C-alpha atoms as a PDB file:
ATOM      1  CA  UNK A   1    -131.947  90.363 -60.697  1.00  0.00           C
ATOM      2  CA  UNK A   2    -133.189  87.745 -63.159  1.00  0.00           C
ATOM      3  CA  UNK A   3    -130.638  85.103 -64.173  1.00  0.00           C
ATOM      4  CA  UNK A   4    -130.679  82.993 -67.327  1.00  0.00           C
ATOM      5  CA  UNK A   5    -128.273  80.868 -69.319  1.00  0.00           C
ATOM      6  CA  UNK A   6    -128.838  82.682 -72.624  1.00  0.00           C
ATOM      7  CA  UNK A   7    -130.326  86.118 -73.144  1.00  0.00           C
ATOM      8  CA  UNK A   8    -131.368  86.981 -76.693  1.00  0.00           C
ATOM      9  CA  UNK A   9    -131.809  90.637 -77.617  1.00  0.00           C
ATOM     10  CA  UNK A  10    -134.244  90.793 -80.519  1.00  0.00           C
ATOM     11  CA  UNK A  11    -136.908  88.314 -81.607  1.00  0.00           C
ATOM     12  CA  UNK A  12    -136.548  88.452 -85.376  1.00  0.00           C
ATOM     13  CA  UNK A  13    -135.652  85.512 -87.627  1.00  0.00           C
ATOM     14  CA  UNK A  14    -132.098  85.121 -86.316  1.00  0.00           C
ATOM     15  CA  UNK A  15    -133.084  85.623 -82.677  1.00  0.00           C
ATOM     16  CA  UNK A  16    -135.900  83.065 -82.828  1.00  0.00           C
ATOM     17  CA  UNK A  17    -133.572  80.572 -84.499  1.00  0.00           C
ATOM     18  CA  UNK A  18    -130.971  81.145 -81.775  1.00  0.00           C
ATOM     19  CA  UNK A  19    -133.574  80.613 -79.073  1.00  0.00           C
ATOM     20  CA  UNK A  20    -134.810  77.391 -80.659  1.00  0.00           C
ATOM     21  CA  UNK A  21    -131.341  75.822 -80.777  1.00  0.00           C
ATOM     22  CA  UNK A  22    -130.215  77.102 -77.365  1.00  0.00           C
ATOM     23  CA  UNK A  23    -133.355  75.832 -75.646  1.00  0.00           C
ATOM     24  CA  UNK A  24    -133.154  72.442 -77.346  1.00  0.00           C
ATOM     25  CA  UNK A  25    -129.561  72.201 -76.098  1.00  0.00           C
ATOM     26  CA  UNK A  26    -130.884  72.436 -72.524  1.00  0.00           C
ATOM     27  CA  UNK A  27    -130.190  76.107 -71.774  1.00  0.00           C
ATOM     28  CA  UNK A  28    -132.671  78.439 -70.118  1.00  0.00           C
ATOM     29  CA  UNK A  29    -133.492  81.222 -72.574  1.00  0.00           C
ATOM     30  CA  UNK A  30    -135.040  84.678 -72.351  1.00  0.00           C
ATOM     31  CA  UNK A  31    -135.883  86.746 -75.437  1.00  0.00           C
ATOM     32  CA  UNK A  32    -136.388  90.489 -75.078  1.00  0.00           C
ATOM     33  CA  UNK A  33    -138.181  92.203 -77.950  1.00  0.00           C
ATOM     34  CA  UNK A  34    -139.343  95.793 -78.411  1.00  0.00           C
ATOM     35  CA  UNK A  35    -142.305  94.867 -80.600  1.00  0.00           C
ATOM     36  CA  UNK A  36    -143.645  91.538 -81.888  1.00  0.00           C
ATOM     37  CA  UNK A  37    -141.821  88.253 -82.397  1.00  0.00           C
ATOM     38  CA  UNK A  38    -140.702  88.038 -86.004  1.00  0.00           C
ATOM     39  CA  UNK A  39    -139.206  91.530 -86.147  1.00  0.00           C
ATOM     40  CA  UNK A  40    -139.193  93.205 -89.538  1.00  0.00           C
ATOM     41  CA  UNK A  41    -140.799  90.121 -91.130  1.00  0.00           C
ATOM     42  CA  UNK A  42    -144.146  91.210 -89.666  1.00  0.00           C
ATOM     43  CA  UNK A  43    -144.365  94.178 -92.020  1.00  0.00           C
ATOM     44  CA  UNK A  44    -143.317  92.238 -95.125  1.00  0.00           C
ATOM     45  CA  UNK A  45    -146.589  91.000 -96.576  1.00  0.00           C
ATOM     46  CA  UNK A  46    -145.042  90.248 -99.969  1.00  0.00           C
ATOM     47  CA  UNK A  47    -144.034  86.751-101.062  1.00  0.00           C
ATOM     48  CA  UNK A  48    -140.482  85.508-101.645  1.00  0.00           C
ATOM     49  CA  UNK A  49    -139.193  84.362 -98.231  1.00  0.00           C
ATOM     50  CA  UNK A  50    -137.751  80.858 -98.413  1.00  0.00           C
ATOM     51  CA  UNK A  51    -138.106  78.479 -95.486  1.00  0.00           C
ATOM     52  CA  UNK A  52    -137.325  74.804 -95.983  1.00  0.00           C
ATOM     53  CA  UNK A  53    -138.809  73.867 -99.348  1.00  0.00           C
ATOM     54  CA  UNK A  54    -141.536  76.499 -99.186  1.00  0.00           C
ATOM     55  CA  UNK A  55    -141.760  80.136-100.234  1.00  0.00           C
ATOM     56  CA  UNK A  56    -144.035  82.422 -98.246  1.00  0.00           C
ATOM     57  CA  UNK A  57    -144.685  85.983 -97.114  1.00  0.00           C
ATOM     58  CA  UNK A  58    -142.647  87.564 -94.340  1.00  0.00           C
ATOM     59  CA  UNK A  59    -145.634  87.548 -92.005  1.00  0.00           C
ATOM     60  CA  UNK A  60    -146.191  83.824 -92.594  1.00  0.00           C
ATOM     61  CA  UNK A  61    -142.543  83.109 -91.867  1.00  0.00           C
ATOM     62  CA  UNK A  62    -142.671  85.174 -88.668  1.00  0.00           C
ATOM     63  CA  UNK A  63    -145.639  83.093 -87.483  1.00  0.00           C
ATOM     64  CA  UNK A  64    -143.915  79.801 -88.326  1.00  0.00           C
ATOM     65  CA  UNK A  65    -140.728  80.725 -86.463  1.00  0.00           C
ATOM     66  CA  UNK A  66    -142.662  81.984 -83.427  1.00  0.00           C
ATOM     67  CA  UNK A  67    -144.844  78.851 -83.317  1.00  0.00           C
ATOM     68  CA  UNK A  68    -141.723  76.686 -83.431  1.00  0.00           C
ATOM     69  CA  UNK A  69    -140.333  78.354 -80.309  1.00  0.00           C
ATOM     70  CA  UNK A  70    -140.157  75.932 -77.321  1.00  0.00           C
ATOM     71  CA  UNK A  71    -142.744  76.704 -74.635  1.00  0.00           C
ATOM     72  CA  UNK A  72    -140.112  77.073 -71.898  1.00  0.00           C
ATOM     73  CA  UNK A  73    -138.506  80.075 -73.635  1.00  0.00           C
ATOM     74  CA  UNK A  74    -139.498  83.240 -71.771  1.00  0.00           C
ATOM     75  CA  UNK A  75    -140.399  86.230 -73.933  1.00  0.00           C
ATOM     76  CA  UNK A  76    -140.441  89.789 -72.590  1.00  0.00           C
ATOM     77  CA  UNK A  77    -142.037  92.209 -75.065  1.00  0.00           C
ATOM     78  CA  UNK A  78    -142.327  95.970 -75.234  1.00  0.00           C
ATOM     79  CA  UNK A  79    -138.807  96.548 -74.003  1.00  0.00           C
ATOM     80  CA  UNK A  80    -135.965  99.001 -74.280  1.00  0.00           C
ATOM     81  CA  UNK A  81    -132.498  97.873 -73.228  1.00  0.00           C
ATOM     82  CA  UNK A  82    -129.422  99.341 -71.611  1.00  0.00           C
ATOM     83  CA  UNK A  83    -126.312  97.178 -71.534  1.00  0.00           C
ATOM     84  CA  UNK A  84    -123.687  97.317 -68.784  1.00  0.00           C
ATOM     85  CA  UNK A  85    -120.547  95.243 -68.321  1.00  0.00           C
ATOM     86  CA  UNK A  86    -120.330  91.520 -67.589  1.00  0.00           C
ATOM     87  CA  UNK A  87    -123.395  90.646 -69.678  1.00  0.00           C
ATOM     88  CA  UNK A  88    -125.885  92.463 -67.442  1.00  0.00           C
ATOM     89  CA  UNK A  89    -128.788  93.983 -69.351  1.00  0.00           C
ATOM     90  CA  UNK A  90    -131.215  96.490 -67.898  1.00  0.00           C
ATOM     91  CA  UNK A  91    -134.626  96.006 -69.451  1.00  0.00           C
ATOM     92  CA  UNK A  92    -137.197  98.808 -69.352  1.00  0.00           C
ATOM     93  CA  UNK A  93    -140.821  97.703 -69.745  1.00  0.00           C
ATOM     94  CA  UNK A  94    -144.220  99.241 -69.089  1.00  0.00           C
ATOM     95  CA  UNK A  95    -144.255  97.396 -65.760  1.00  0.00           C
ATOM     96  CA  UNK A  96    -140.888  98.710 -64.581  1.00  0.00           C
ATOM     97  CA  UNK A  97    -137.156  98.071 -64.824  1.00  0.00           C
ATOM     98  CA  UNK A  98    -135.568  94.619 -64.616  1.00  0.00           C
ATOM     99  CA  UNK A  99    -131.949  93.525 -64.616  1.00  0.00           C
ATOM    100  CA  UNK A 100    -131.056  90.318 -66.423  1.00  0.00           C
ATOM    101  CA  UNK A 101    -127.705  88.578 -66.015  1.00  0.00           C
ATOM    102  CA  UNK A 102    -126.793  85.858 -68.496  1.00  0.00           C
ATOM    103  CA  UNK A 103    -123.884  83.505 -69.039  1.00  0.00           C
ATOM    104  CA  UNK A 104    -124.213  84.239 -72.774  1.00  0.00           C
ATOM    105  CA  UNK A 105    -125.909  87.005 -74.735  1.00  0.00           C
ATOM    106  CA  UNK A 106    -127.039  86.766 -78.366  1.00  0.00           C
ATOM    107  CA  UNK A 107    -127.305  90.119 -80.082  1.00  0.00           C
ATOM    108  CA  UNK A 108    -129.960  89.820 -82.785  1.00  0.00           C
ATOM    109  CA  UNK A 109    -131.140  93.414 -82.541  1.00  0.00           C
ATOM    110  CA  UNK A 110    -131.586  93.910 -86.275  1.00  0.00           C
ATOM    111  CA  UNK A 111    -131.066  97.214 -88.040  1.00  0.00           C
ATOM    112  CA  UNK A 112    -132.369 100.751 -88.306  1.00  0.00           C
ATOM    113  CA  UNK A 113    -133.440 102.561 -91.461  1.00  0.00           C
ATOM    114  CA  UNK A 114    -131.324 105.349 -92.917  1.00  0.00           C
ATOM    115  CA  UNK A 115    -133.333 108.440 -92.001  1.00  0.00           C
ATOM    116  CA  UNK A 116    -133.704 111.890 -93.519  1.00  0.00           C
ATOM    117  CA  UNK A 117    -131.389 113.227 -90.795  1.00  0.00           C
ATOM    118  CA  UNK A 118    -128.582 110.994 -92.134  1.00  0.00           C
ATOM    119  CA  UNK A 119    -128.932 112.406 -95.648  1.00  0.00           C
ATOM    120  CA  UNK A 120    -128.172 115.860 -97.005  1.00  0.00           C
ATOM    121  CA  UNK A 121    -131.823 116.826 -97.296  1.00  0.00           C
ATOM    122  CA  UNK A 122    -132.974 120.200 -96.021  1.00  0.00           C
ATOM    123  CA  UNK A 123    -136.279 120.054 -94.190  1.00  0.00           C
ATOM    124  CA  UNK A 124    -138.232 117.283 -92.530  1.00  0.00           C
ATOM    125  CA  UNK A 125    -141.937 118.185 -92.598  1.00  0.00           C
ATOM    126  CA  UNK A 126    -144.782 115.783 -91.901  1.00  0.00           C
ATOM    127  CA  UNK A 127    -145.112 113.216 -94.647  1.00  0.00           C
ATOM    128  CA  UNK A 128    -141.465 112.090 -94.704  1.00  0.00           C
ATOM    129  CA  UNK A 129    -141.117 108.430 -93.714  1.00  0.00           C
ATOM    130  CA  UNK A 130    -138.402 105.815 -93.635  1.00  0.00           C
ATOM    131  CA  UNK A 131    -139.154 102.636 -95.568  1.00  0.00           C
ATOM    132  CA  UNK A 132    -139.693 100.716 -92.335  1.00  0.00           C
ATOM    133  CA  UNK A 133    -142.128 103.298 -90.985  1.00  0.00           C
ATOM    134  CA  UNK A 134    -144.084 103.278 -94.235  1.00  0.00           C
ATOM    135  CA  UNK A 135    -144.305  99.480 -94.337  1.00  0.00           C
ATOM    136  CA  UNK A 136    -145.439  99.325 -90.729  1.00  0.00           C
ATOM    137  CA  UNK A 137    -148.158 101.951 -91.187  1.00  0.00           C
ATOM    138  CA  UNK A 138    -149.489 100.542 -94.464  1.00  0.00           C
ATOM    139  CA  UNK A 139    -149.067  96.796 -93.961  1.00  0.00           C
ATOM    140  CA  UNK A 140    -149.591  96.420 -90.218  1.00  0.00           C
ATOM    141  CA  UNK A 141    -151.716  99.391 -89.189  1.00  0.00           C
ATOM    142  CA  UNK A 142    -153.739  99.770 -92.394  1.00  0.00           C
ATOM    143  CA  UNK A 143    -153.105 103.526 -92.430  1.00  0.00           C
ATOM    144  CA  UNK A 144    -153.075 105.603 -95.618  1.00  0.00           C
ATOM    145  CA  UNK A 145    -149.947 107.768 -95.592  1.00  0.00           C
ATOM    146  CA  UNK A 146    -150.591 110.081 -98.533  1.00  0.00           C
ATOM    147  CA  UNK A 147    -151.953 110.689-102.017  1.00  0.00           C
ATOM    148  CA  UNK A 148    -148.868 111.584-104.107  1.00  0.00           C
ATOM    149  CA  UNK A 149    -145.536 110.033-103.194  1.00  0.00           C
ATOM    150  CA  UNK A 150    -141.883 109.929-104.200  1.00  0.00           C
ATOM    151  CA  UNK A 151    -139.596 107.056-103.215  1.00  0.00           C
ATOM    152  CA  UNK A 152    -135.899 107.881-102.686  1.00  0.00           C
ATOM    153  CA  UNK A 153    -133.897 104.707-103.289  1.00  0.00           C
ATOM    154  CA  UNK A 154    -134.309 102.027-105.959  1.00  0.00           C
ATOM    155  CA  UNK A 155    -133.361  98.920-104.010  1.00  0.00           C
ATOM    156  CA  UNK A 156    -135.746  95.990-103.691  1.00  0.00           C
ATOM    157  CA  UNK A 157    -137.458  97.546-100.664  1.00  0.00           C
ATOM    158  CA  UNK A 158    -137.980 100.829-102.517  1.00  0.00           C
ATOM    159  CA  UNK A 159    -139.449  99.029-105.530  1.00  0.00           C
ATOM    160  CA  UNK A 160    -141.727  96.880-103.371  1.00  0.00           C
ATOM    161  CA  UNK A 161    -142.943  99.984-101.531  1.00  0.00           C
ATOM    162  CA  UNK A 162    -143.596 101.840-104.784  1.00  0.00           C
ATOM    163  CA  UNK A 163    -145.816  98.984-105.974  1.00  0.00           C
ATOM    164  CA  UNK A 164    -147.520  98.696-102.593  1.00  0.00           C
ATOM    165  CA  UNK A 165    -148.320 102.405-102.552  1.00  0.00           C
ATOM    166  CA  UNK A 166    -149.758 102.185-106.059  1.00  0.00           C
ATOM    167  CA  UNK A 167    -151.989  99.272-105.058  1.00  0.00           C
ATOM    168  CA  UNK A 168    -153.198 101.374-102.120  1.00  0.00           C
ATOM    169  CA  UNK A 169    -154.280 104.121-104.524  1.00  0.00           C
ATOM    170  CA  UNK A 170    -151.292 106.411-103.996  1.00  0.00           C
ATOM    171  CA  UNK A 171    -149.877 108.059-107.127  1.00  0.00           C
ATOM    172  CA  UNK A 172    -146.122 107.405-107.116  1.00  0.00           C
ATOM    173  CA  UNK A 173    -144.637 110.349-108.985  1.00  0.00           C
ATOM    174  CA  UNK A 174    -141.143 108.865-109.237  1.00  0.00           C
ATOM    175  CA  UNK A 175    -138.485 106.605-107.813  1.00  0.00           C
ATOM    176  CA  UNK A 176    -135.249 108.566-107.368  1.00  0.00           C
ATOM    177  CA  UNK A 177    -131.848 106.831-107.485  1.00  0.00           C
ATOM    178  CA  UNK A 178    -128.447 108.498-107.183  1.00  0.00           C
ATOM    179  CA  UNK A 179    -126.662 105.703-109.095  1.00  0.00           C
ATOM    180  CA  UNK A 180    -126.755 105.373-112.866  1.00  0.00           C
ATOM    181  CA  UNK A 181    -128.675 102.092-112.604  1.00  0.00           C
ATOM    182  CA  UNK A 182    -131.356 100.911-110.153  1.00  0.00           C
ATOM    183  CA  UNK A 183    -130.175  98.771-107.237  1.00  0.00           C
ATOM    184  CA  UNK A 184    -133.062  96.274-107.229  1.00  0.00           C
ATOM    185  CA  UNK A 185    -133.031  93.023-109.124  1.00  0.00           C
ATOM    186  CA  UNK A 186    -134.216  93.106-112.729  1.00  0.00           C
ATOM    187  CA  UNK A 187    -137.580  91.494-111.976  1.00  0.00           C
ATOM    188  CA  UNK A 188    -138.466  94.087-109.340  1.00  0.00           C
ATOM    189  CA  UNK A 189    -137.387  96.933-111.616  1.00  0.00           C
ATOM    190  CA  UNK A 190    -139.499  95.628-114.507  1.00  0.00           C
ATOM    191  CA  UNK A 191    -142.562  95.137-112.300  1.00  0.00           C
ATOM    192  CA  UNK A 192    -142.330  98.748-111.115  1.00  0.00           C
ATOM    193  CA  UNK A 193    -141.253 100.707-114.156  1.00  0.00           C
ATOM    194  CA  UNK A 194    -143.087  98.632-116.773  1.00  0.00           C
ATOM    195  CA  UNK A 195    -146.002  96.811-115.130  1.00  0.00           C
ATOM    196  CA  UNK A 196    -146.918  99.725-112.873  1.00  0.00           C
ATOM    197  CA  UNK A 197    -145.570 102.480-115.127  1.00  0.00           C
ATOM    198  CA  UNK A 198    -143.688 104.222-112.309  1.00  0.00           C
ATOM    199  CA  UNK A 199    -141.044 106.717-113.513  1.00  0.00           C
ATOM    200  CA  UNK A 200    -137.451 105.969-112.497  1.00  0.00           C
ATOM    201  CA  UNK A 201    -135.052 108.927-112.318  1.00  0.00           C
ATOM    202  CA  UNK A 202    -131.397 107.869-111.987  1.00  0.00           C
ATOM    203  CA  UNK A 203    -128.202 109.846-111.286  1.00  0.00           C
ATOM    204  CA  UNK A 204    -130.297 112.111-109.075  1.00  0.00           C
ATOM    205  CA  UNK A 205    -131.122 112.779-105.436  1.00  0.00           C
ATOM    206  CA  UNK A 206    -133.420 114.835-103.225  1.00  0.00           C
ATOM    207  CA  UNK A 207    -131.903 117.942-101.655  1.00  0.00           C
ATOM    208  CA  UNK A 208    -134.915 119.655-100.109  1.00  0.00           C
ATOM    209  CA  UNK A 209    -138.307 118.786 -98.648  1.00  0.00           C
ATOM    210  CA  UNK A 210    -140.685 121.734 -98.284  1.00  0.00           C
ATOM    211  CA  UNK A 211    -144.012 122.124 -96.551  1.00  0.00           C
ATOM    212  CA  UNK A 212    -145.608 123.368 -93.351  1.00  0.00           C
ATOM    213  CA  UNK A 213    -146.718 121.361 -91.581  1.00  0.00           C
ATOM    214  CA  UNK A 214    -147.179 118.760 -94.355  1.00  0.00           C
ATOM    215  CA  UNK A 215    -144.789 118.123 -97.232  1.00  0.00           C
ATOM    216  CA  UNK A 216    -145.979 119.662-100.512  1.00  0.00           C
ATOM    217  CA  UNK A 217    -142.888 119.561-102.751  1.00  0.00           C
ATOM    218  CA  UNK A 218    -139.363 118.210-103.032  1.00  0.00           C
ATOM    219  CA  UNK A 219    -136.342 119.423-104.961  1.00  0.00           C
ATOM    220  CA  UNK A 220    -134.567 116.837-107.116  1.00  0.00           C
ATOM    221  CA  UNK A 221    -131.108 117.486-108.593  1.00  0.00           C
ATOM    222  CA  UNK A 222    -128.770 115.540-110.836  1.00  0.00           C
ATOM    223  CA  UNK A 223    -125.553 114.202-109.280  1.00  0.00           C
ATOM    224  CA  UNK A 224    -122.081 113.622-110.710  1.00  0.00           C
ATOM    225  CA  UNK A 225    -119.995 110.456-110.519  1.00  0.00           C
ATOM    226  CA  UNK A 226    -119.119 111.312-106.894  1.00  0.00           C
ATOM    227  CA  UNK A 227    -122.832 111.714-106.040  1.00  0.00           C
ATOM    228  CA  UNK A 228    -122.445 115.449-105.586  1.00  0.00           C
ATOM    229  CA  UNK A 229    -125.277 117.761-106.746  1.00  0.00           C
ATOM    230  CA  UNK A 230    -124.790 119.315-110.170  1.00  0.00           C
ATOM    231  CA  UNK A 231    -125.526 123.088-110.126  1.00  0.00           C
ATOM    232  CA  UNK A 232    -128.565 124.406-111.997  1.00  0.00           C
ATOM    233  CA  UNK A 233    -130.234 120.997-112.390  1.00  0.00           C
ATOM    234  CA  UNK A 234    -132.990 121.600-109.829  1.00  0.00           C
ATOM    235  CA  UNK A 235    -136.396 120.097-110.536  1.00  0.00           C
ATOM    236  CA  UNK A 236    -139.505 120.459-108.387  1.00  0.00           C
ATOM    237  CA  UNK A 237    -141.847 117.514-107.845  1.00  0.00           C
ATOM    238  CA  UNK A 238    -145.148 118.137-106.102  1.00  0.00           C
ATOM    239  CA  UNK A 239    -145.983 115.446-103.538  1.00  0.00           C
ATOM    240  CA  UNK A 240    -147.263 115.006-100.013  1.00  0.00           C
ATOM    241  CA  UNK A 241    -145.207 111.926 -99.138  1.00  0.00           C
ATOM    242  CA  UNK A 242    -141.493 111.125 -99.357  1.00  0.00           C
ATOM    243  CA  UNK A 243    -140.259 107.612 -98.584  1.00  0.00           C
ATOM    244  CA  UNK A 244    -136.586 107.265 -97.634  1.00  0.00           C
ATOM    245  CA  UNK A 245    -135.624 103.790 -98.877  1.00  0.00           C
ATOM    246  CA  UNK A 246    -131.849 104.263 -98.799  1.00  0.00           C
ATOM    247  CA  UNK A 247    -130.940 101.138 -96.903  1.00  0.00           C
ATOM    248  CA  UNK A 248    -130.513 100.052 -93.304  1.00  0.00           C
ATOM    249  CA  UNK A 249    -127.676 100.009 -90.799  1.00  0.00           C
ATOM    250  CA  UNK A 250    -126.906  97.368 -88.163  1.00  0.00           C
ATOM    251  CA  UNK A 251    -128.232  98.249 -84.719  1.00  0.00           C
ATOM    252  CA  UNK A 252    -125.624  97.303 -82.122  1.00  0.00           C
ATOM    253  CA  UNK A 253    -126.413  97.837 -78.433  1.00  0.00           C
ATOM    254  CA  UNK A 254    -123.158  96.474 -77.011  1.00  0.00           C
ATOM    255  CA  UNK A 255    -120.811  99.491 -77.020  1.00  0.00           C
ATOM    256  CA  UNK A 256    -117.601  97.485 -76.493  1.00  0.00           C
ATOM    257  CA  UNK A 257    -118.076  95.035 -79.343  1.00  0.00           C
ATOM    258  CA  UNK A 258    -115.733  95.704 -82.253  1.00  0.00           C
ATOM    259  CA  UNK A 259    -117.455  96.683 -85.499  1.00  0.00           C
ATOM    260  CA  UNK A 260    -116.663  95.999 -89.131  1.00  0.00           C
ATOM    261  CA  UNK A 261    -115.774  99.378 -90.667  1.00  0.00           C
ATOM    262  CA  UNK A 262    -117.359  98.336 -93.971  1.00  0.00           C
ATOM    263  CA  UNK A 263    -120.666  96.789 -92.865  1.00  0.00           C
ATOM    264  CA  UNK A 264    -121.066  98.702 -89.596  1.00  0.00           C
ATOM    265  CA  UNK A 265    -122.065  95.436 -87.925  1.00  0.00           C
ATOM    266  CA  UNK A 266    -120.389  93.321 -85.254  1.00  0.00           C
ATOM    267  CA  UNK A 267    -117.186  91.519 -86.102  1.00  0.00           C
ATOM    268  CA  UNK A 268    -117.719  87.837 -85.298  1.00  0.00           C
ATOM    269  CA  UNK A 269    -115.724  84.619 -85.498  1.00  0.00           C
ATOM    270  CA  UNK A 270    -116.933  81.286 -86.900  1.00  0.00           C
ATOM    271  CA  UNK A 271    -118.948  80.726 -83.698  1.00  0.00           C
ATOM    272  CA  UNK A 272    -120.704  84.087 -84.187  1.00  0.00           C
ATOM    273  CA  UNK A 273    -118.947  85.374 -81.053  1.00  0.00           C
ATOM    274  CA  UNK A 274    -118.038  89.058 -80.961  1.00  0.00           C
ATOM    275  CA  UNK A 275    -114.869  90.578 -79.539  1.00  0.00           C
ATOM    276  CA  UNK A 276    -116.703  90.723 -76.198  1.00  0.00           C
ATOM    277  CA  UNK A 277    -116.448  87.304 -74.541  1.00  0.00           C
ATOM    278  CA  UNK A 278    -119.797  85.619 -74.134  1.00  0.00           C
ATOM    279  CA  UNK A 279    -121.582  88.001 -76.496  1.00  0.00           C
ATOM    280  CA  UNK A 280    -122.675  86.511 -79.810  1.00  0.00           C
ATOM    281  CA  UNK A 281    -124.251  88.303 -82.774  1.00  0.00           C
ATOM    282  CA  UNK A 282    -126.291  87.276 -85.798  1.00  0.00           C
ATOM    283  CA  UNK A 283    -128.610  88.584 -88.502  1.00  0.00           C
ATOM    284  CA  UNK A 284    -128.699  92.245 -89.440  1.00  0.00           C
ATOM    285  CA  UNK A 285    -126.655  93.124 -86.340  1.00  0.00           C
ATOM    286  CA  UNK A 286    -123.741  91.566 -88.258  1.00  0.00           C
ATOM    287  CA  UNK A 287    -124.480  92.451 -91.872  1.00  0.00           C
ATOM    288  CA  UNK A 288    -127.372  93.841 -93.875  1.00  0.00           C
ATOM    289  CA  UNK A 289    -128.832  92.387 -97.051  1.00  0.00           C
ATOM    290  CA  UNK A 290    -128.621  88.604 -96.681  1.00  0.00           C
ATOM    291  CA  UNK A 291    -131.368  86.155 -97.538  1.00  0.00           C
ATOM    292  CA  UNK A 292    -133.532  84.833 -94.721  1.00  0.00           C
ATOM    293  CA  UNK A 293    -132.047  81.333 -95.031  1.00  0.00           C
ATOM    294  CA  UNK A 294    -128.575  82.673 -94.269  1.00  0.00           C
ATOM    295  CA  UNK A 295    -129.859  84.766 -91.375  1.00  0.00           C
ATOM    296  CA  UNK A 296    -131.659  81.773 -89.832  1.00  0.00           C
ATOM    297  CA  UNK A 297    -128.554  79.601 -90.187  1.00  0.00           C
ATOM    298  CA  UNK A 298    -126.445  82.292 -88.562  1.00  0.00           C
ATOM    299  CA  UNK A 299    -128.883  82.452 -85.653  1.00  0.00           C
ATOM    300  CA  UNK A 300    -128.693  78.686 -85.202  1.00  0.00           C
ATOM    301  CA  UNK A 301    -124.886  78.853 -84.990  1.00  0.00           C
ATOM    302  CA  UNK A 302    -125.051  81.670 -82.440  1.00  0.00           C
ATOM    303  CA  UNK A 303    -127.605  79.759 -80.358  1.00  0.00           C
ATOM    304  CA  UNK A 304    -125.506  76.606 -80.440  1.00  0.00           C
ATOM    305  CA  UNK A 305    -122.296  78.184 -79.168  1.00  0.00           C
ATOM    306  CA  UNK A 306    -124.004  80.601 -76.788  1.00  0.00           C
ATOM    307  CA  UNK A 307    -125.743  77.675 -75.073  1.00  0.00           C
ATOM    308  CA  UNK A 308    -122.582  75.552 -75.020  1.00  0.00           C
ATOM    309  CA  UNK A 309    -120.698  78.351 -73.289  1.00  0.00           C
ATOM    310  CA  UNK A 310    -123.524  79.015 -70.839  1.00  0.00           C
ATOM    311  CA  UNK A 311    -123.939  75.377 -69.845  1.00  0.00           C
ATOM    312  CA  UNK A 312    -120.180  74.949 -69.396  1.00  0.00           C
ATOM    313  CA  UNK A 313    -120.027  77.971 -67.067  1.00  0.00           C
ATOM    314  CA  UNK A 314    -123.133  76.785 -65.234  1.00  0.00           C
ATOM    315  CA  UNK A 315    -121.530  73.395 -64.600  1.00  0.00           C
ATOM    316  CA  UNK A 316    -118.321  75.067 -63.412  1.00  0.00           C
ATOM    317  CA  UNK A 317    -120.322  77.174 -60.945  1.00  0.00           C
ATOM    318  CA  UNK A 318    -122.007  74.081 -59.524  1.00  0.00           C
ATOM    319  CA  UNK A 319    -118.727  72.235 -59.113  1.00  0.00           C
ATOM    320  CA  UNK A 320    -117.171  75.246 -57.405  1.00  0.00           C
ATOM    321  CA  UNK A 321    -119.961  75.176 -54.827  1.00  0.00           C
END
């Protein structure tokens, strides 16, 4: 079994910030990450991420946070985790299974995209992607995902994806939004609907995705004030790609931590500690939709108190011996 003062699950913006503070406080730190340090920032090649006095792309910010990480912080990548009691985490890697026991754990595991399975859409042929999958394939892998696309969801991510697809030569047939007004900020809406001439269809949703094996058409219907489909309003849109950009949900791997019934994330106190003693949470694992500055600050608070607790327990153990 590997022992450490602070174990951080997730190496995104909040996790890296936690690690920086905890290590500088004198704690031994291990970060476990399923992919690359920086998390979701790595697939955000657009500008608008504030750090200090500068504004940069998500990928630039990911690099800056990773470079700032103290050299004595151990990073284990390509992992899947299973959490047991008493802050013991089983880590599955390509080289085998390891058990890590920590005095404190920081949960910075991010969020998962709302998928087609979570929505009332019949069918899931090839060509249906979550927003995160689409961003990863286009921005990180350089893969073309289709020729004619529809984006379901008019938040900032949906608008950014619609523009990105257009720049990649994909014809975006429409952005579909179930609300009466788009969810993105006014600047993003204008840049999509006016600058890029992308149609926006509000008070509507997608009920069916057809195609075998590849998507070739979707069914769009109007919805009422309760977001229920209105009969006899079906409209067919031909496309080979459907992007589900309907938001994200906190990803919480500690089953005993109490959750906020509104946000779906961990309930935390002013020290970012969850209901499970010694387990702290920050970033999207607490709440979705904050700016990166707030997420980084939250990670710093979690790292501070996680390391304080760990070092106090470590000292107590030494004195007991």
